[in-house]
Amino acid sequence: MTSQNELRLLPWAGPEGRPCYLSADEQDSYMSRLADHIEAMQLGMASELLEHALHALDDEPSDVGELSLLAAQLAGALRDVLRVASSRGNRLATPDYP
């Protein structure tokens, strides 16, 4: 059986929101490159959303619906960014301690 540190957390969820994993053995496989591309897109979208949110908050929006939508989008972006951070953190080499 493959251990947890040999698996890559993918930037998307599976059925019922469960995490999806890929064997980290082939870092240049099609699925690995696809995951890299999606992670880059998610990080870019989160950055753009943050800029939009900062501008929207500077303008003191009066529409509660707009703020609610913005909060939902920010929560989704944060979820994606945390998944990318977890995936990349798990793949960092960890030193062996005695």
C-alpha atoms as a PDB file:
ATOM      1  CA  MET A   1       0.000   0.000   0.000  1.00  0.00           C
ATOM      2  CA  THR A   2       1.218   3.510  -0.798  1.00  0.00           C
ATOM      3  CA  SER A   3       1.977   5.678   2.230  1.00  0.00           C
ATOM      4  CA  GLN A   4       0.493   9.158   2.656  1.00  0.00           C
ATOM      5  CA  ASN A   5       3.817  10.926   1.962  1.00  0.00           C
ATOM      6  CA  GLU A   6       4.046   9.159  -1.420  1.00  0.00           C
ATOM      7  CA  LEU A   7       0.734  10.636  -2.546  1.00  0.00           C
ATOM      8  CA  ARG A   8       0.019  14.044  -4.000  1.00  0.00           C
ATOM      9  CA  LEU A   9      -3.152  15.826  -2.909  1.00  0.00           C
ATOM     10  CA  LEU A  10      -4.827  16.962  -6.114  1.00  0.00           C
ATOM     11  CA  PRO A  11      -6.323  20.454  -6.453  1.00  0.00           C
ATOM     12  CA  TRP A  12      -9.854  19.135  -6.880  1.00  0.00           C
ATOM     13  CA  ALA A  13     -12.224  17.096  -4.779  1.00  0.00           C
ATOM     14  CA  GLY A  14     -13.751  13.780  -5.656  1.00  0.00           C
ATOM     15  CA  PRO A  15     -17.267  12.515  -5.088  1.00  0.00           C
ATOM     16  CA  GLU A  16     -18.910  13.876  -1.959  1.00  0.00           C
ATOM     17  CA  GLY A  17     -16.079  16.398  -1.535  1.00  0.00           C
ATOM     18  CA  ARG A  18     -13.503  13.784  -0.618  1.00  0.00           C
ATOM     19  CA  PRO A  19      -9.848  14.534  -1.404  1.00  0.00           C
ATOM     20  CA  CYS A  20      -8.255  13.006  -4.498  1.00  0.00           C
ATOM     21  CA  TYR A  21      -4.680  11.752  -4.528  1.00  0.00           C
ATOM     22  CA  LEU A  22      -2.136  10.833  -7.166  1.00  0.00           C
ATOM     23  CA  SER A  23       0.939   8.678  -6.775  1.00  0.00           C
ATOM     24  CA  ALA A  24       3.875  11.076  -6.568  1.00  0.00           C
ATOM     25  CA  ASP A  25       6.214   8.619  -8.302  1.00  0.00           C
ATOM     26  CA  GLU A  26       5.845  10.215 -11.745  1.00  0.00           C
ATOM     27  CA  GLN A  27       6.168  13.960 -11.286  1.00  0.00           C
ATOM     28  CA  ASP A  28       6.100  14.635 -15.023  1.00  0.00           C
ATOM     29  CA  SER A  29       3.021  12.551 -15.833  1.00  0.00           C
ATOM     30  CA  TYR A  30       0.006  14.003 -17.617  1.00  0.00           C
ATOM     31  CA  MET A  31      -2.048  14.062 -14.401  1.00  0.00           C
ATOM     32  CA  SER A  32       0.749  15.712 -12.455  1.00  0.00           C
ATOM     33  CA  ARG A  33       1.161  18.417 -15.106  1.00  0.00           C
ATOM     34  CA  LEU A  34      -2.620  18.907 -15.187  1.00  0.00           C
ATOM     35  CA  ALA A  35      -2.654  19.315 -11.403  1.00  0.00           C
ATOM     36  CA  ASP A  36       0.213  21.846 -11.632  1.00  0.00           C
ATOM     37  CA  HIS A  37      -1.738  23.812 -14.254  1.00  0.00           C
ATOM     38  CA  ILE A  38      -4.947  23.818 -12.214  1.00  0.00           C
ATOM     39  CA  GLU A  39      -3.069  24.856  -9.072  1.00  0.00           C
ATOM     40  CA  ALA A  40      -1.548  27.786 -10.971  1.00  0.00           C
ATOM     41  CA  MET A  41      -4.993  28.800 -12.232  1.00  0.00           C
ATOM     42  CA  GLN A  42      -6.483  28.573  -8.731  1.00  0.00           C
ATOM     43  CA  LEU A  43      -3.708  30.706  -7.250  1.00  0.00           C
ATOM     44  CA  GLY A  44      -4.078  33.277 -10.034  1.00  0.00           C
ATOM     45  CA  MET A  45      -7.843  33.436  -9.604  1.00  0.00           C
ATOM     46  CA  ALA A  46      -7.460  33.847  -5.836  1.00  0.00           C
ATOM     47  CA  SER A  47      -5.049  36.731  -6.387  1.00  0.00           C
ATOM     48  CA  GLU A  48      -7.454  38.455  -8.780  1.00  0.00           C
ATOM     49  CA  LEU A  49     -10.376  37.905  -6.399  1.00  0.00           C
ATOM     50  CA  LEU A  50      -8.391  39.398  -3.536  1.00  0.00           C
ATOM     51  CA  GLU A  51      -7.709  42.530  -5.611  1.00  0.00           C
ATOM     52  CA  HIS A  52     -11.411  42.760  -6.474  1.00  0.00           C
ATOM     53  CA  ALA A  53     -12.385  42.338  -2.817  1.00  0.00           C
ATOM     54  CA  LEU A  54      -9.970  45.047  -1.669  1.00  0.00           C
ATOM     55  CA  HIS A  55     -11.368  47.488  -4.248  1.00  0.00           C
ATOM     56  CA  ALA A  56     -14.957  46.578  -3.386  1.00  0.00           C
ATOM     57  CA  LEU A  57     -14.316  47.156   0.323  1.00  0.00           C
ATOM     58  CA  ASP A  58     -12.616  50.504  -0.383  1.00  0.00           C
ATOM     59  CA  ASP A  59     -15.752  51.623  -2.237  1.00  0.00           C
ATOM     60  CA  GLU A  60     -17.950  50.754   0.772  1.00  0.00           C
ATOM     61  CA  PRO A  61     -20.491  48.640  -1.102  1.00  0.00           C
ATOM     62  CA  SER A  62     -24.052  49.083   0.080  1.00  0.00           C
ATOM     63  CA  ASP A  63     -25.421  45.938  -1.525  1.00  0.00           C
ATOM     64  CA  VAL A  64     -25.557  43.121   1.018  1.00  0.00           C
ATOM     65  CA  GLY A  65     -26.037  40.584  -1.794  1.00  0.00           C
ATOM     66  CA  GLU A  66     -22.776  41.707  -3.411  1.00  0.00           C
ATOM     67  CA  LEU A  67     -20.916  41.315  -0.126  1.00  0.00           C
ATOM     68  CA  SER A  68     -22.456  37.886   0.423  1.00  0.00           C
ATOM     69  CA  LEU A  69     -21.385  36.735  -3.044  1.00  0.00           C
ATOM     70  CA  LEU A  70     -17.909  38.173  -2.497  1.00  0.00           C
ATOM     71  CA  ALA A  71     -17.610  36.348   0.837  1.00  0.00           C
ATOM     72  CA  ALA A  72     -18.673  33.056  -0.782  1.00  0.00           C
ATOM     73  CA  GLN A  73     -16.150  33.501  -3.598  1.00  0.00           C
ATOM     74  CA  LEU A  74     -13.386  34.368  -1.133  1.00  0.00           C
ATOM     75  CA  ALA A  75     -14.204  31.293   0.955  1.00  0.00           C
ATOM     76  CA  GLY A  76     -13.969  29.084  -2.152  1.00  0.00           C
ATOM     77  CA  ALA A  77     -10.672  30.661  -3.163  1.00  0.00           C
ATOM     78  CA  LEU A  78      -9.293  30.218   0.345  1.00  0.00           C
ATOM     79  CA  ARG A  79     -10.298  26.540   0.296  1.00  0.00           C
ATOM     80  CA  ASP A  80      -8.450  26.085  -3.015  1.00  0.00           C
ATOM     81  CA  VAL A  81      -5.333  27.935  -1.834  1.00  0.00           C
ATOM     82  CA  LEU A  82      -5.218  25.898   1.381  1.00  0.00           C
ATOM     83  CA  ARG A  83      -5.480  22.675  -0.644  1.00  0.00           C
ATOM     84  CA  VAL A  84      -2.573  23.819  -2.857  1.00  0.00           C
ATOM     85  CA  ALA A  85      -0.518  24.743   0.217  1.00  0.00           C
ATOM     86  CA  SER A  86      -1.241  21.387   1.853  1.00  0.00           C
ATOM     87  CA  SER A  87      -0.354  19.503  -1.311  1.00  0.00           C
ATOM     88  CA  ARG A  88       2.910  21.349  -1.769  1.00  0.00           C
ATOM     89  CA  GLY A  89       3.780  21.160   1.911  1.00  0.00           C
ATOM     90  CA  ASN A  90       3.262  17.402   1.933  1.00  0.00           C
ATOM     91  CA  ARG A  91       5.637  17.034  -1.004  1.00  0.00           C
ATOM     92  CA  LEU A  92       8.485  18.968   0.620  1.00  0.00           C
ATOM     93  CA  ALA A  93      11.387  16.824   1.646  1.00  0.00           C
ATOM     94  CA  THR A  94      11.363  16.328   5.385  1.00  0.00           C
ATOM     95  CA  PRO A  95      14.609  15.479   7.136  1.00  0.00           C
ATOM     96  CA  ASP A  96      14.871  12.211   8.999  1.00  0.00           C
ATOM     97  CA  TYR A  97      15.347  12.816  12.691  1.00  0.00           C
ATOM     98  CA  PRO A  98      16.867  10.132  14.916  1.00  0.00           C
END
